[in-house]
Every structure is written in structure tokens, then in C-alpha cells.
């Protein structure tokens, strides 16, 4: 999850990669909490949190219970302790470095998969089919870039994400993607596939005003 949320932000991605290479050891925690988390002592940590909440006159009914907080702290510490092997870390960095025009992306991904010893045949077939569909709609594939490190800072996306910007523009004019589980999160009883986008009309208007 650390890595997933970092896509699209170079500084966050660099930090996430550094953590995967050398996991921090509960650096944000101190004192008894750090020791209890390190030991994985759920009962002891729950009691310590409950005591602190009582001293601060905080009611558990107003938020999460001490046991829920303790469990989440231990889970996060376990996730932070994950360390990739040198081979996996090298493959991940090679993948994230792929940034090519869309019409060459399928070949770049196939070359990466072969070099990393990965079997991505099904995924690559779907990727190539999507790229061909984009070209079939008259969009210039040589003007569209595939950036493996690209992402959008929203958790509900489940597939392809994209942004459209003006030439040499540093901010997107349009951004969107696929979010098949969004409506379920909002209360839909059955999964409803969805694709959508947002348009920054103010940026488009500003661009029109400065156009020659």
C-alpha cells in the first residue's frame, strides 16, 4: 500500500523505495508504544492505549477502540518491516523506469518481463489490445506516453489511469481512469464498472487566454 499511494509523486515514490530497501524500525514511535509494537503485544498495547485515552478523557465510543488502534499499529509495523530481495528491488526499479511513447510500450514491457524472468503474457496481451484500440480511435499513440511510475492520488482507481496536459504543461487539464469498485464503496449492492474523468476548466480557459 505504501508503494501504491506513492505512484505519481516522484518524492513519495523515492521515499517508498528507500523504505523497501531499508525498512525503518518504528522511527515514528517512541517509549513503551514502540516496545509493545515491536513485540507484537496486542493485549499490552491495547491496555496502554486505553490508559492513555482515559488520562486524556477520550471516549472510545467517539472513535476507534483501543484494540483496533493497537492492531492497526502492529499491522503497519509489520508492513514497514518488509524488505525486498536485491533481485526483486532491482526489477522494481527497472519497471518504474519505463517511460516511453505508447506505441513502443508493449515492446518495452515485454523486454522488461523477459529480463526479469516474469511471465506477463496475459497482461501484455490486454495492454497491447488497449493500445491498439486507442490508435483505432484516431489518437496518436506516438504522442501518448506510458509511464510505469505514473499514478493518480486517489484510492478508488482499479485500472488504467490517465492525464492530459498541454505541450510543456506542468499541470493536467484532464485526469481520470477506471474505478470498478467506487459505486460499491458508495453503497451499490452489486459491482458497477465505471470510467470517468475530471476537467479543469479554469486551466483550459487560462491556456486559451495565453494562446497566440
N, C-alpha and C. Protein backbone atom coordinates (compact mmCIF):
# COMPACT_ATOMS: atom_id res chain seq x y z
N UNK A 1 0.82 -1.20 0.00
CA UNK A 1 0.00 0.00 0.00
C UNK A 1 0.86 1.26 0.00
N UNK A 2 2.01 1.21 0.71
CA UNK A 2 2.90 2.37 0.70
C UNK A 2 3.27 2.75 -0.72
N UNK A 3 3.62 1.74 -1.52
CA UNK A 3 4.07 1.98 -2.88
C UNK A 3 2.91 2.44 -3.76
N UNK A 4 1.74 1.81 -3.59
CA UNK A 4 0.58 2.16 -4.42
C UNK A 4 0.21 3.62 -4.26
N UNK A 5 0.27 4.13 -3.05
CA UNK A 5 -0.11 5.52 -2.81
C UNK A 5 0.94 6.51 -3.26
N UNK A 6 2.13 6.02 -3.57
CA UNK A 6 3.22 6.91 -3.96
C UNK A 6 3.28 7.16 -5.47
N UNK A 7 2.58 6.34 -6.25
CA UNK A 7 2.64 6.49 -7.70
C UNK A 7 2.14 7.88 -8.11
N UNK A 8 2.87 8.50 -9.02
CA UNK A 8 2.50 9.83 -9.49
C UNK A 8 3.23 10.94 -8.77
N UNK A 9 3.89 10.62 -7.66
CA UNK A 9 4.67 11.62 -6.92
C UNK A 9 6.10 11.12 -6.80
N UNK A 10 7.01 11.75 -7.54
CA UNK A 10 8.40 11.30 -7.54
C UNK A 10 9.02 11.29 -6.14
N UNK A 11 8.83 12.34 -5.32
CA UNK A 11 9.42 12.31 -3.97
C UNK A 11 8.86 11.19 -3.10
N UNK A 12 7.53 10.98 -3.14
CA UNK A 12 6.93 9.92 -2.33
C UNK A 12 7.38 8.55 -2.81
N UNK A 13 7.51 8.39 -4.12
CA UNK A 13 7.94 7.11 -4.68
C UNK A 13 9.37 6.81 -4.28
N UNK A 14 10.22 7.82 -4.31
CA UNK A 14 11.61 7.64 -3.91
C UNK A 14 11.71 7.24 -2.44
N UNK A 15 10.88 7.87 -1.61
CA UNK A 15 10.86 7.54 -0.18
C UNK A 15 10.37 6.12 0.05
N UNK A 16 9.31 5.73 -0.68
CA UNK A 16 8.77 4.38 -0.54
C UNK A 16 9.79 3.33 -0.97
N UNK A 17 10.52 3.60 -2.04
CA UNK A 17 11.55 2.67 -2.50
C UNK A 17 12.68 2.57 -1.48
N UNK A 18 13.05 3.71 -0.90
CA UNK A 18 14.11 3.69 0.11
C UNK A 18 13.68 2.87 1.32
N UNK A 19 12.40 2.97 1.70
CA UNK A 19 11.88 2.20 2.83
C UNK A 19 11.88 0.71 2.53
N UNK A 20 11.58 0.35 1.26
CA UNK A 20 11.58 -1.06 0.89
C UNK A 20 13.00 -1.62 0.89
N UNK A 21 13.96 -0.77 0.55
CA UNK A 21 15.36 -1.22 0.54
C UNK A 21 15.91 -1.34 1.96
N UNK A 22 15.54 -0.38 2.81
CA UNK A 22 16.00 -0.37 4.20
C UNK A 22 14.83 0.02 5.10
N UNK A 23 13.99 -0.93 5.48
CA UNK A 23 12.79 -0.63 6.25
C UNK A 23 13.11 0.09 7.56
N UNK A 24 12.37 1.18 7.87
CA UNK A 24 12.56 1.86 9.16
C UNK A 24 12.03 1.00 10.29
N UNK A 25 12.57 1.15 11.46
CA UNK A 25 12.14 0.36 12.61
C UNK A 25 11.35 1.24 13.57
N UNK A 26 10.07 1.47 13.21
CA UNK A 26 9.17 2.22 14.07
C UNK A 26 9.76 3.56 14.50
N UNK A 27 10.39 4.24 13.57
CA UNK A 27 11.03 5.51 13.89
C UNK A 27 10.07 6.57 14.38
N UNK A 28 8.78 6.45 14.01
CA UNK A 28 7.80 7.45 14.41
C UNK A 28 7.22 7.17 15.79
N UNK A 29 7.54 6.02 16.37
CA UNK A 29 7.03 5.66 17.69
C UNK A 29 8.16 5.75 18.71
N UNK A 30 7.79 5.93 19.95
CA UNK A 30 8.80 6.04 20.99
C UNK A 30 8.30 5.44 22.29
N UNK A 31 9.22 5.20 23.21
CA UNK A 31 8.86 4.74 24.54
C UNK A 31 8.15 3.40 24.56
N UNK A 32 7.21 3.24 25.50
CA UNK A 32 6.52 1.96 25.67
C UNK A 32 5.76 1.52 24.41
N UNK A 33 5.20 2.47 23.68
CA UNK A 33 4.44 2.12 22.48
C UNK A 33 5.33 1.40 21.48
N UNK A 34 6.52 1.96 21.23
CA UNK A 34 7.45 1.35 20.27
C UNK A 34 7.82 -0.06 20.71
N UNK A 35 8.08 -0.25 22.00
CA UNK A 35 8.47 -1.57 22.50
C UNK A 35 7.33 -2.57 22.36
N UNK A 36 6.11 -2.15 22.69
CA UNK A 36 4.96 -3.05 22.59
C UNK A 36 4.66 -3.41 21.14
N UNK A 37 4.79 -2.44 20.25
CA UNK A 37 4.57 -2.70 18.83
C UNK A 37 5.63 -3.66 18.31
N UNK A 38 6.88 -3.43 18.68
CA UNK A 38 7.98 -4.29 18.23
C UNK A 38 7.78 -5.73 18.70
N UNK A 39 7.23 -5.90 19.92
CA UNK A 39 6.99 -7.24 20.47
C UNK A 39 5.71 -7.86 19.91
N UNK A 40 4.89 -7.05 19.24
CA UNK A 40 3.61 -7.57 18.74
C UNK A 40 2.64 -7.89 19.86
N UNK A 41 2.77 -7.19 20.99
CA UNK A 41 1.95 -7.44 22.18
C UNK A 41 0.62 -6.70 22.04
N UNK A 42 -0.38 -7.35 21.44
CA UNK A 42 -1.66 -6.70 21.18
C UNK A 42 -2.38 -6.33 22.48
N UNK A 43 -2.41 -7.27 23.43
CA UNK A 43 -3.12 -7.00 24.69
C UNK A 43 -2.46 -5.88 25.47
N UNK A 44 -1.12 -5.95 25.57
CA UNK A 44 -0.41 -4.92 26.31
C UNK A 44 -0.54 -3.55 25.67
N UNK A 45 -0.46 -3.51 24.34
CA UNK A 45 -0.58 -2.24 23.63
C UNK A 45 -2.00 -1.68 23.76
N UNK A 46 -3.00 -2.56 23.68
CA UNK A 46 -4.39 -2.12 23.84
C UNK A 46 -4.60 -1.50 25.21
N UNK A 47 -4.06 -2.15 26.25
CA UNK A 47 -4.20 -1.63 27.61
C UNK A 47 -3.49 -0.29 27.76
N UNK A 48 -2.31 -0.17 27.16
CA UNK A 48 -1.55 1.09 27.25
C UNK A 48 -2.31 2.22 26.56
N UNK A 49 -2.89 1.94 25.41
CA UNK A 49 -3.65 2.96 24.68
C UNK A 49 -4.91 3.34 25.46
N UNK A 50 -5.58 2.33 26.03
CA UNK A 50 -6.79 2.60 26.81
C UNK A 50 -6.48 3.48 28.00
N UNK A 51 -5.34 3.22 28.66
CA UNK A 51 -4.94 4.03 29.80
C UNK A 51 -4.67 5.47 29.38
N UNK A 52 -3.99 5.64 28.26
CA UNK A 52 -3.72 6.98 27.76
C UNK A 52 -4.98 7.73 27.39
N UNK A 53 -5.94 7.01 26.82
CA UNK A 53 -7.21 7.65 26.46
C UNK A 53 -7.99 8.08 27.70
N UNK A 54 -7.92 7.25 28.74
CA UNK A 54 -8.60 7.61 29.99
C UNK A 54 -7.98 8.86 30.61
N UNK A 55 -6.64 8.92 30.60
CA UNK A 55 -5.97 10.09 31.16
C UNK A 55 -6.32 11.36 30.37
N UNK A 56 -6.48 11.20 29.07
CA UNK A 56 -6.81 12.36 28.23
C UNK A 56 -8.32 12.60 28.16
N UNK A 57 -9.08 11.75 28.88
CA UNK A 57 -10.54 11.85 28.91
C UNK A 57 -11.15 11.72 27.51
N UNK A 58 -10.60 10.77 26.76
CA UNK A 58 -11.13 10.48 25.43
C UNK A 58 -11.99 9.23 25.51
N UNK A 59 -13.16 9.28 24.90
CA UNK A 59 -14.07 8.16 24.92
C UNK A 59 -13.86 7.28 23.69
N UNK A 60 -13.77 5.97 23.92
CA UNK A 60 -13.60 5.05 22.80
C UNK A 60 -14.82 5.05 21.89
N UNK A 61 -15.98 5.41 22.45
CA UNK A 61 -17.20 5.42 21.65
C UNK A 61 -17.19 6.53 20.61
N UNK A 62 -16.29 7.51 20.79
CA UNK A 62 -16.21 8.63 19.84
C UNK A 62 -15.30 8.32 18.66
N UNK A 63 -14.66 7.17 18.70
CA UNK A 63 -13.75 6.80 17.61
C UNK A 63 -13.44 5.32 17.67
N UNK A 64 -12.25 4.94 17.24
CA UNK A 64 -11.87 3.53 17.25
C UNK A 64 -11.53 3.06 18.66
N UNK A 65 -11.79 1.79 18.91
CA UNK A 65 -11.49 1.20 20.20
C UNK A 65 -9.98 1.03 20.34
N UNK A 66 -9.46 1.02 21.59
CA UNK A 66 -8.02 0.83 21.80
C UNK A 66 -7.47 -0.42 21.11
N UNK A 67 -8.24 -1.50 21.12
CA UNK A 67 -7.77 -2.74 20.49
C UNK A 67 -7.63 -2.56 18.98
N UNK A 68 -8.55 -1.79 18.36
CA UNK A 68 -8.47 -1.54 16.92
C UNK A 68 -7.23 -0.70 16.59
N UNK A 69 -6.97 0.31 17.42
CA UNK A 69 -5.80 1.16 17.21
C UNK A 69 -4.52 0.34 17.36
N UNK A 70 -4.49 -0.50 18.39
CA UNK A 70 -3.30 -1.33 18.65
C UNK A 70 -3.07 -2.30 17.50
N UNK A 71 -4.13 -2.93 17.03
CA UNK A 71 -4.00 -3.89 15.94
C UNK A 71 -3.46 -3.21 14.68
N UNK A 72 -3.97 -2.01 14.40
CA UNK A 72 -3.53 -1.29 13.20
C UNK A 72 -2.07 -0.87 13.32
N UNK A 73 -1.64 -0.44 14.50
CA UNK A 73 -0.24 -0.05 14.70
C UNK A 73 0.69 -1.24 14.46
N UNK A 74 0.31 -2.40 14.96
CA UNK A 74 1.14 -3.59 14.78
C UNK A 74 1.16 -4.01 13.32
N UNK A 75 0.01 -3.94 12.65
CA UNK A 75 -0.05 -4.30 11.23
C UNK A 75 0.83 -3.37 10.40
N UNK A 76 0.78 -2.07 10.69
CA UNK A 76 1.60 -1.11 9.94
C UNK A 76 3.09 -1.36 10.18
N UNK A 77 3.44 -1.72 11.42
CA UNK A 77 4.84 -2.01 11.72
C UNK A 77 5.31 -3.24 10.96
N UNK A 78 4.45 -4.25 10.85
CA UNK A 78 4.81 -5.46 10.12
C UNK A 78 4.99 -5.16 8.64
N UNK A 79 4.12 -4.29 8.09
CA UNK A 79 4.25 -3.91 6.69
C UNK A 79 5.55 -3.14 6.45
N UNK A 80 5.89 -2.25 7.40
CA UNK A 80 7.11 -1.46 7.25
C UNK A 80 8.36 -2.32 7.32
N UNK A 81 8.24 -3.49 7.94
CA UNK A 81 9.42 -4.34 8.11
C UNK A 81 9.72 -5.18 6.87
N UNK A 82 8.80 -5.15 5.88
CA UNK A 82 9.01 -5.94 4.67
C UNK A 82 10.21 -5.38 3.90
N UNK A 83 11.11 -6.27 3.54
CA UNK A 83 12.29 -5.86 2.78
C UNK A 83 12.40 -6.71 1.53
N UNK A 84 12.50 -6.06 0.38
CA UNK A 84 12.62 -6.79 -0.88
C UNK A 84 14.02 -7.36 -1.04
N UNK A 85 14.09 -8.50 -1.72
CA UNK A 85 15.39 -9.05 -2.07
C UNK A 85 16.05 -8.12 -3.08
N UNK A 86 17.35 -8.23 -3.23
CA UNK A 86 18.06 -7.35 -4.16
C UNK A 86 17.56 -7.54 -5.59
N UNK A 87 17.24 -8.80 -5.95
CA UNK A 87 16.74 -9.06 -7.30
C UNK A 87 15.38 -8.43 -7.53
N UNK A 88 14.48 -8.57 -6.55
CA UNK A 88 13.14 -8.00 -6.68
C UNK A 88 13.20 -6.48 -6.69
N UNK A 89 14.07 -5.92 -5.86
CA UNK A 89 14.20 -4.46 -5.80
C UNK A 89 14.74 -3.92 -7.12
N UNK A 90 15.71 -4.61 -7.69
CA UNK A 90 16.28 -4.18 -8.97
C UNK A 90 15.23 -4.25 -10.08
N UNK A 91 14.43 -5.33 -10.08
CA UNK A 91 13.38 -5.47 -11.09
C UNK A 91 12.33 -4.38 -10.94
N UNK A 92 11.99 -4.05 -9.70
CA UNK A 92 11.00 -3.00 -9.46
C UNK A 92 11.50 -1.66 -9.98
N UNK A 93 12.76 -1.34 -9.73
CA UNK A 93 13.31 -0.07 -10.20
C UNK A 93 13.37 -0.04 -11.73
N UNK A 94 13.70 -1.17 -12.34
CA UNK A 94 13.73 -1.24 -13.81
C UNK A 94 12.34 -1.00 -14.38
N UNK A 95 11.33 -1.58 -13.73
CA UNK A 95 9.96 -1.40 -14.20
C UNK A 95 9.53 0.06 -14.09
N UNK A 96 9.80 0.66 -12.94
CA UNK A 96 9.38 2.04 -12.71
C UNK A 96 10.11 3.03 -13.61
N UNK A 97 11.22 2.62 -14.18
CA UNK A 97 11.99 3.50 -15.07
C UNK A 97 11.44 3.52 -16.49
N UNK A 98 10.48 2.65 -16.80
CA UNK A 98 9.91 2.60 -18.16
C UNK A 98 9.05 3.84 -18.39
N UNK A 99 9.43 4.63 -19.36
CA UNK A 99 8.70 5.85 -19.72
C UNK A 99 8.91 6.05 -21.22
N UNK A 100 7.95 5.57 -22.01
CA UNK A 100 8.12 5.52 -23.47
C UNK A 100 6.81 5.92 -24.15
N UNK A 101 6.87 6.27 -25.45
CA UNK A 101 5.63 6.50 -26.20
C UNK A 101 4.76 5.25 -26.18
N UNK A 102 3.46 5.42 -26.22
CA UNK A 102 2.54 4.29 -26.11
C UNK A 102 2.77 3.25 -27.20
N UNK A 103 3.14 3.69 -28.40
CA UNK A 103 3.32 2.72 -29.48
C UNK A 103 4.55 1.84 -29.29
N UNK A 104 5.39 2.15 -28.31
CA UNK A 104 6.53 1.30 -28.01
C UNK A 104 6.47 0.68 -26.63
N UNK A 105 5.37 0.93 -25.92
CA UNK A 105 5.27 0.48 -24.53
C UNK A 105 5.14 -1.03 -24.40
N UNK A 106 4.35 -1.66 -25.27
CA UNK A 106 4.17 -3.11 -25.17
C UNK A 106 5.51 -3.83 -25.34
N UNK A 107 6.31 -3.37 -26.29
CA UNK A 107 7.62 -3.98 -26.51
C UNK A 107 8.54 -3.74 -25.32
N UNK A 108 8.49 -2.53 -24.75
CA UNK A 108 9.32 -2.21 -23.60
C UNK A 108 8.95 -3.08 -22.40
N UNK A 109 7.66 -3.30 -22.20
CA UNK A 109 7.20 -4.14 -21.10
C UNK A 109 7.57 -5.60 -21.32
N UNK A 110 7.48 -6.05 -22.56
CA UNK A 110 7.86 -7.44 -22.87
C UNK A 110 9.35 -7.65 -22.63
N UNK A 111 10.16 -6.67 -23.03
CA UNK A 111 11.60 -6.75 -22.81
C UNK A 111 11.91 -6.79 -21.32
N UNK A 112 11.21 -5.96 -20.56
CA UNK A 112 11.40 -5.95 -19.10
C UNK A 112 11.04 -7.31 -18.50
N UNK A 113 9.87 -7.85 -18.89
CA UNK A 113 9.41 -9.12 -18.33
C UNK A 113 10.39 -10.24 -18.63
N UNK A 114 10.90 -10.26 -19.85
CA UNK A 114 11.87 -11.30 -20.22
C UNK A 114 13.14 -11.18 -19.39
N UNK A 115 13.63 -9.95 -19.24
CA UNK A 115 14.85 -9.74 -18.47
C UNK A 115 14.69 -10.06 -16.99
N UNK A 116 13.47 -9.84 -16.47
CA UNK A 116 13.22 -10.10 -15.05
C UNK A 116 12.76 -11.52 -14.78
N UNK A 117 12.59 -12.30 -15.85
CA UNK A 117 12.14 -13.68 -15.68
C UNK A 117 10.70 -13.78 -15.24
N UNK A 118 9.86 -12.85 -15.69
CA UNK A 118 8.45 -12.83 -15.30
C UNK A 118 7.57 -13.28 -16.46
N UNK A 119 6.47 -13.95 -16.15
CA UNK A 119 5.51 -14.36 -17.16
C UNK A 119 4.31 -13.41 -17.10
N UNK A 120 4.26 -12.49 -18.05
CA UNK A 120 3.20 -11.48 -18.08
C UNK A 120 2.40 -11.55 -19.37
N UNK A 121 2.34 -12.74 -19.96
CA UNK A 121 1.73 -12.88 -21.29
C UNK A 121 0.30 -12.34 -21.34
N UNK A 122 -0.54 -12.75 -20.38
CA UNK A 122 -1.95 -12.33 -20.40
C UNK A 122 -2.07 -10.82 -20.23
N UNK A 123 -1.33 -10.28 -19.27
CA UNK A 123 -1.37 -8.84 -19.02
C UNK A 123 -0.86 -8.06 -20.23
N UNK A 124 0.19 -8.56 -20.86
CA UNK A 124 0.76 -7.87 -22.02
C UNK A 124 -0.19 -7.91 -23.21
N UNK A 125 -0.91 -9.02 -23.37
CA UNK A 125 -1.89 -9.12 -24.46
C UNK A 125 -3.00 -8.08 -24.27
N UNK A 126 -3.47 -7.94 -23.03
CA UNK A 126 -4.52 -6.95 -22.75
C UNK A 126 -4.00 -5.54 -22.95
N UNK A 127 -2.75 -5.31 -22.55
CA UNK A 127 -2.15 -3.98 -22.71
C UNK A 127 -2.04 -3.64 -24.19
N UNK A 128 -1.55 -4.58 -24.99
CA UNK A 128 -1.38 -4.34 -26.43
C UNK A 128 -2.74 -4.10 -27.09
N UNK A 129 -3.76 -4.84 -26.66
CA UNK A 129 -5.10 -4.66 -27.23
C UNK A 129 -5.64 -3.28 -26.90
N UNK A 130 -5.39 -2.80 -25.68
CA UNK A 130 -5.85 -1.46 -25.31
C UNK A 130 -5.13 -0.40 -26.14
N UNK A 131 -3.83 -0.57 -26.33
CA UNK A 131 -3.07 0.40 -27.11
C UNK A 131 -3.58 0.45 -28.56
N UNK A 132 -3.89 -0.72 -29.12
CA UNK A 132 -4.42 -0.76 -30.49
C UNK A 132 -5.79 -0.10 -30.56
N UNK A 133 -6.61 -0.29 -29.52
CA UNK A 133 -7.93 0.33 -29.50
C UNK A 133 -7.82 1.84 -29.46
N UNK A 134 -6.84 2.34 -28.72
CA UNK A 134 -6.62 3.79 -28.65
C UNK A 134 -6.23 4.33 -30.02
N UNK A 135 -5.34 3.62 -30.70
CA UNK A 135 -4.93 4.03 -32.05
C UNK A 135 -6.10 3.96 -33.02
N UNK A 136 -6.95 2.93 -32.86
CA UNK A 136 -8.09 2.75 -33.76
C UNK A 136 -9.08 3.90 -33.66
N UNK A 137 -9.07 4.60 -32.53
CA UNK A 137 -9.96 5.75 -32.35
C UNK A 137 -9.33 7.04 -32.88
N UNK A 138 -8.20 6.90 -33.56
CA UNK A 138 -7.59 8.06 -34.18
C UNK A 138 -6.68 8.87 -33.29
N UNK A 139 -6.37 8.36 -32.10
CA UNK A 139 -5.48 9.09 -31.20
C UNK A 139 -4.03 8.74 -31.54
N UNK A 140 -3.15 9.72 -31.59
CA UNK A 140 -1.75 9.48 -31.98
C UNK A 140 -0.96 8.79 -30.88
N UNK A 141 -0.72 7.49 -31.03
CA UNK A 141 -0.03 6.72 -29.99
C UNK A 141 1.39 7.21 -29.75
N UNK A 142 1.99 7.84 -30.77
CA UNK A 142 3.35 8.33 -30.59
C UNK A 142 3.39 9.61 -29.75
N UNK A 143 2.21 10.23 -29.54
CA UNK A 143 2.13 11.44 -28.72
C UNK A 143 1.70 11.14 -27.29
N UNK A 144 1.29 9.90 -27.05
CA UNK A 144 0.85 9.49 -25.72
C UNK A 144 1.98 8.72 -25.06
N UNK A 145 2.29 9.05 -23.82
CA UNK A 145 3.39 8.38 -23.13
C UNK A 145 2.86 7.39 -22.10
N UNK A 146 3.54 6.26 -22.02
CA UNK A 146 3.29 5.29 -20.96
C UNK A 146 4.40 5.46 -19.93
N UNK A 147 4.02 5.79 -18.71
CA UNK A 147 4.98 5.99 -17.62
C UNK A 147 4.63 5.01 -16.50
N UNK A 148 5.46 4.01 -16.30
CA UNK A 148 5.17 2.98 -15.30
C UNK A 148 5.07 3.54 -13.89
N UNK A 149 5.70 4.67 -13.64
CA UNK A 149 5.68 5.27 -12.30
C UNK A 149 4.53 6.26 -12.13
N UNK A 150 3.70 6.40 -13.16
CA UNK A 150 2.61 7.37 -13.09
C UNK A 150 1.45 6.82 -12.27
N UNK A 151 0.75 7.70 -11.60
CA UNK A 151 -0.45 7.32 -10.86
C UNK A 151 -1.23 8.56 -10.51
N UNK A 152 -2.45 8.36 -10.01
CA UNK A 152 -3.27 9.49 -9.57
C UNK A 152 -3.54 9.29 -8.08
N UNK A 153 -3.50 10.37 -7.27
CA UNK A 153 -3.55 10.26 -5.81
C UNK A 153 -4.95 10.02 -5.26
N UNK A 154 -5.64 9.00 -5.79
CA UNK A 154 -6.97 8.64 -5.31
C UNK A 154 -7.03 7.12 -5.19
N UNK A 155 -7.58 6.63 -4.08
CA UNK A 155 -7.52 5.20 -3.79
C UNK A 155 -8.53 4.36 -4.56
N UNK A 156 -9.53 4.99 -5.18
CA UNK A 156 -10.61 4.18 -5.74
C UNK A 156 -10.34 3.67 -7.16
N UNK A 157 -9.25 4.07 -7.77
CA UNK A 157 -8.96 3.57 -9.12
C UNK A 157 -8.59 2.09 -9.09
N UNK A 158 -9.05 1.35 -10.10
CA UNK A 158 -8.79 -0.09 -10.15
C UNK A 158 -8.10 -0.53 -11.44
N UNK A 159 -7.85 0.39 -12.34
CA UNK A 159 -7.23 0.01 -13.61
C UNK A 159 -6.49 1.17 -14.23
N UNK A 160 -6.67 1.33 -15.53
CA UNK A 160 -6.00 2.38 -16.28
C UNK A 160 -6.30 3.76 -15.71
N UNK A 161 -5.26 4.57 -15.54
CA UNK A 161 -5.43 5.98 -15.16
C UNK A 161 -4.68 6.83 -16.18
N UNK A 162 -5.13 8.07 -16.34
CA UNK A 162 -4.51 8.92 -17.36
C UNK A 162 -4.65 10.39 -16.99
N UNK A 163 -3.81 11.19 -17.60
CA UNK A 163 -3.92 12.64 -17.52
C UNK A 163 -3.59 13.22 -18.89
N UNK A 164 -4.19 14.36 -19.18
CA UNK A 164 -3.93 15.07 -20.43
C UNK A 164 -3.44 16.46 -20.08
N UNK A 165 -2.34 16.86 -20.68
CA UNK A 165 -1.77 18.17 -20.42
C UNK A 165 -1.40 18.83 -21.74
N UNK A 166 -1.25 20.14 -21.70
CA UNK A 166 -0.80 20.86 -22.89
C UNK A 166 0.69 20.61 -23.09
N UNK A 167 1.19 20.85 -24.28
CA UNK A 167 2.62 20.71 -24.54
C UNK A 167 3.39 21.58 -23.55
N UNK A 168 4.38 20.95 -22.90
CA UNK A 168 5.22 21.64 -21.91
C UNK A 168 4.43 22.11 -20.69
N UNK A 169 3.21 21.60 -20.52
CA UNK A 169 2.41 21.99 -19.36
C UNK A 169 2.83 21.22 -18.13
N UNK A 170 2.83 21.89 -16.97
CA UNK A 170 3.24 21.22 -15.73
C UNK A 170 2.05 20.80 -14.89
N UNK A 171 0.82 21.09 -15.36
CA UNK A 171 -0.38 20.68 -14.64
C UNK A 171 -1.37 20.04 -15.60
N UNK A 172 -2.09 19.01 -15.15
CA UNK A 172 -3.04 18.34 -16.04
C UNK A 172 -4.25 19.21 -16.33
N UNK A 173 -4.80 19.03 -17.52
CA UNK A 173 -6.05 19.68 -17.90
C UNK A 173 -7.22 18.72 -17.71
N UNK A 174 -6.93 17.43 -17.86
CA UNK A 174 -7.92 16.37 -17.71
C UNK A 174 -7.26 15.21 -16.98
N UNK A 175 -8.00 14.55 -16.11
CA UNK A 175 -7.46 13.37 -15.42
C UNK A 175 -8.57 12.41 -15.07
N UNK A 176 -8.31 11.12 -15.19
CA UNK A 176 -9.35 10.15 -14.86
C UNK A 176 -8.85 8.73 -14.96
N UNK A 177 -9.79 7.79 -15.06
CA UNK A 177 -9.42 6.39 -15.15
C UNK A 177 -10.59 5.47 -14.83
N UNK A 178 -10.26 4.20 -14.58
CA UNK A 178 -11.28 3.18 -14.28
C UNK A 178 -11.39 3.00 -12.77
N UNK A 179 -12.65 2.91 -12.30
CA UNK A 179 -12.88 2.71 -10.86
C UNK A 179 -14.07 1.77 -10.66
N UNK A 180 -13.82 0.49 -10.85
CA UNK A 180 -14.89 -0.50 -10.80
C UNK A 180 -15.51 -0.69 -9.42
N UNK A 181 -14.82 -0.31 -8.35
CA UNK A 181 -15.39 -0.54 -7.02
C UNK A 181 -15.92 0.74 -6.37
N UNK A 182 -15.83 1.87 -7.05
CA UNK A 182 -16.23 3.13 -6.43
C UNK A 182 -17.69 3.14 -6.01
N UNK A 183 -18.59 2.72 -6.91
CA UNK A 183 -20.01 2.77 -6.58
C UNK A 183 -20.37 1.78 -5.48
N UNK A 184 -19.63 0.68 -5.39
CA UNK A 184 -19.84 -0.25 -4.28
C UNK A 184 -19.47 0.41 -2.97
N UNK A 185 -18.38 1.17 -2.96
CA UNK A 185 -17.98 1.90 -1.75
C UNK A 185 -19.01 2.94 -1.35
N UNK A 186 -19.75 3.44 -2.34
CA UNK A 186 -20.76 4.46 -2.08
C UNK A 186 -22.12 3.85 -1.75
N UNK A 187 -22.20 2.50 -1.72
CA UNK A 187 -23.44 1.87 -1.29
C UNK A 187 -24.13 0.97 -2.29
N UNK A 188 -23.62 0.86 -3.52
CA UNK A 188 -24.25 -0.01 -4.51
C UNK A 188 -24.19 -1.46 -4.03
N UNK A 189 -25.28 -2.21 -4.21
CA UNK A 189 -25.34 -3.59 -3.72
C UNK A 189 -24.62 -4.56 -4.64
N UNK A 190 -24.43 -4.20 -5.89
CA UNK A 190 -23.69 -5.05 -6.83
C UNK A 190 -22.60 -4.22 -7.50
N UNK A 191 -21.49 -4.85 -7.88
CA UNK A 191 -20.40 -4.11 -8.54
C UNK A 191 -20.87 -3.47 -9.84
N UNK A 192 -20.51 -2.22 -10.05
CA UNK A 192 -20.87 -1.50 -11.27
C UNK A 192 -19.59 -0.92 -11.86
N UNK A 193 -19.13 -1.44 -13.00
CA UNK A 193 -17.91 -0.90 -13.61
C UNK A 193 -18.07 0.58 -13.95
N UNK A 194 -17.00 1.33 -13.82
CA UNK A 194 -17.09 2.75 -14.11
C UNK A 194 -15.80 3.31 -14.67
N UNK A 195 -15.94 4.27 -15.56
CA UNK A 195 -14.80 5.01 -16.11
C UNK A 195 -15.22 6.47 -16.15
N UNK A 196 -14.33 7.36 -15.75
CA UNK A 196 -14.69 8.77 -15.78
C UNK A 196 -13.47 9.66 -15.74
N UNK A 197 -13.71 10.96 -15.76
CA UNK A 197 -12.60 11.91 -15.75
C UNK A 197 -13.08 13.25 -15.23
N UNK A 198 -12.13 14.07 -14.83
CA UNK A 198 -12.39 15.44 -14.40
C UNK A 198 -11.70 16.39 -15.37
N UNK A 199 -12.30 17.55 -15.56
CA UNK A 199 -11.73 18.57 -16.45
C UNK A 199 -11.53 19.85 -15.66
N UNK A 200 -10.32 20.42 -15.72
CA UNK A 200 -10.03 21.69 -15.06
C UNK A 200 -10.34 22.82 -16.05
N UNK A 201 -11.57 23.31 -16.01
CA UNK A 201 -11.99 24.33 -16.96
C UNK A 201 -11.21 25.62 -16.79
N UNK A 202 -10.84 25.94 -15.55
CA UNK A 202 -10.09 27.19 -15.32
C UNK A 202 -8.72 27.13 -15.99
N UNK A 203 -8.08 25.95 -15.97
CA UNK A 203 -6.77 25.82 -16.60
C UNK A 203 -6.89 25.88 -18.12
N UNK A 204 -7.95 25.29 -18.64
CA UNK A 204 -8.16 25.34 -20.09
C UNK A 204 -8.42 26.78 -20.53
N UNK A 205 -9.22 27.49 -19.75
CA UNK A 205 -9.51 28.89 -20.09
C UNK A 205 -8.25 29.74 -20.02
N UNK A 206 -7.43 29.51 -18.99
CA UNK A 206 -6.18 30.26 -18.87
C UNK A 206 -5.25 29.96 -20.04
N UNK A 207 -5.27 28.71 -20.49
CA UNK A 207 -4.44 28.32 -21.63
C UNK A 207 -4.92 29.01 -22.90
N UNK A 208 -6.23 29.10 -23.06
CA UNK A 208 -6.79 29.76 -24.25
C UNK A 208 -6.44 31.24 -24.26
N UNK A 209 -6.43 31.85 -23.07
CA UNK A 209 -6.14 33.28 -22.99
C UNK A 209 -4.70 33.60 -23.35
N UNK A 210 -3.80 32.65 -23.10
CA UNK A 210 -2.38 32.89 -23.39
C UNK A 210 -1.95 32.33 -24.74
N UNK A 211 -2.88 31.66 -25.43
CA UNK A 211 -2.53 31.07 -26.73
C UNK A 211 -2.30 32.18 -27.75
N UNK A 212 -1.33 32.01 -28.66
CA UNK A 212 -1.06 33.04 -29.67
C UNK A 212 -2.21 33.15 -30.67
